[in-house]
Amino acid sequence: MARHERNQRWQRTLRALIYVVIVVVLMILMILFFLVKNLENIQKNKTQEPKNAVEAKMPDKDV
């Protein structure tokens, strides 16, 4: 009977450890996903012209 209780305790501990590892891995994947998405947005914004850029044209001179 004592052996059975030890096995049950070991299985519960192992199951809890597996759940913790799964949660940690999922959190790391979420963080990496958001970082990559954020870096892509930063790179895309660098290549575009700023929205507040003013386009100045010189008037044509008739000489």
Protein backbone atom coordinates (compact mmCIF):
# COMPACT_ATOMS: atom_id res chain seq x y z
CA MET A 1 0.00 0.00 0.00
CA ALA A 2 2.82 2.42 0.81
CA ARG A 3 4.43 1.69 -2.54
CA HIS A 4 1.19 2.53 -4.30
CA GLU A 5 0.96 5.89 -2.49
CA ARG A 6 4.56 6.71 -3.40
CA ASN A 7 3.85 5.89 -7.05
CA GLN A 8 0.75 8.06 -6.98
CA ARG A 9 2.68 10.96 -5.45
CA TRP A 10 5.46 10.55 -8.03
CA GLN A 11 2.94 10.53 -10.90
CA ARG A 12 1.20 13.66 -9.59
CA THR A 13 4.54 15.43 -9.24
CA LEU A 14 5.61 14.39 -12.73
CA ARG A 15 2.28 15.50 -14.21
CA ALA A 16 2.53 18.90 -12.48
CA LEU A 17 6.11 19.32 -13.74
CA ILE A 18 5.03 18.53 -17.29
CA TYR A 19 2.24 21.12 -17.08
CA VAL A 20 4.66 23.75 -15.80
CA VAL A 21 7.10 23.03 -18.64
CA ILE A 22 4.30 23.26 -21.22
CA VAL A 23 3.12 26.61 -19.82
CA VAL A 24 6.66 28.02 -19.78
CA VAL A 25 7.29 26.91 -23.38
CA LEU A 26 4.00 28.46 -24.52
CA MET A 27 4.84 31.73 -22.78
CA ILE A 28 8.28 31.83 -24.43
CA LEU A 29 6.70 31.16 -27.84
CA MET A 30 4.17 33.96 -27.30
CA ILE A 31 6.90 36.41 -26.29
CA LEU A 32 8.99 35.48 -29.34
CA PHE A 33 5.96 35.85 -31.61
CA PHE A 34 5.22 39.34 -30.33
CA LEU A 35 8.88 40.38 -30.55
CA VAL A 36 9.17 39.21 -34.14
CA LYS A 37 5.89 40.91 -35.05
CA ASN A 38 7.07 44.13 -33.40
CA LEU A 39 10.44 44.00 -35.21
CA GLU A 40 8.69 43.46 -38.54
CA ASN A 41 6.52 46.53 -37.91
CA ILE A 42 9.58 48.60 -37.00
CA GLN A 43 11.39 47.50 -40.17
CA LYS A 44 8.33 48.21 -42.31
CA ASN A 45 7.95 51.69 -40.79
CA LYS A 46 11.61 52.50 -41.46
CA THR A 47 11.25 51.81 -45.16
CA GLN A 48 8.11 53.95 -45.54
CA GLU A 49 8.20 57.72 -45.70
CA PRO A 50 7.09 59.43 -42.54
CA LYS A 51 3.43 60.44 -42.57
CA ASN A 52 4.19 64.01 -41.57
CA ALA A 53 6.76 64.55 -44.33
CA VAL A 54 6.13 67.71 -46.35
CA GLU A 55 6.80 67.64 -50.05
CA ALA A 56 8.18 70.96 -51.21
CA LYS A 57 8.21 71.83 -54.88
CA MET A 58 10.17 74.69 -56.33
CA PRO A 59 8.19 76.92 -58.64
CA ASP A 60 9.15 76.78 -62.32
CA LYS A 61 11.08 79.84 -63.47
CA ASP A 62 10.17 81.35 -66.82
CA VAL A 63 13.28 83.02 -68.08
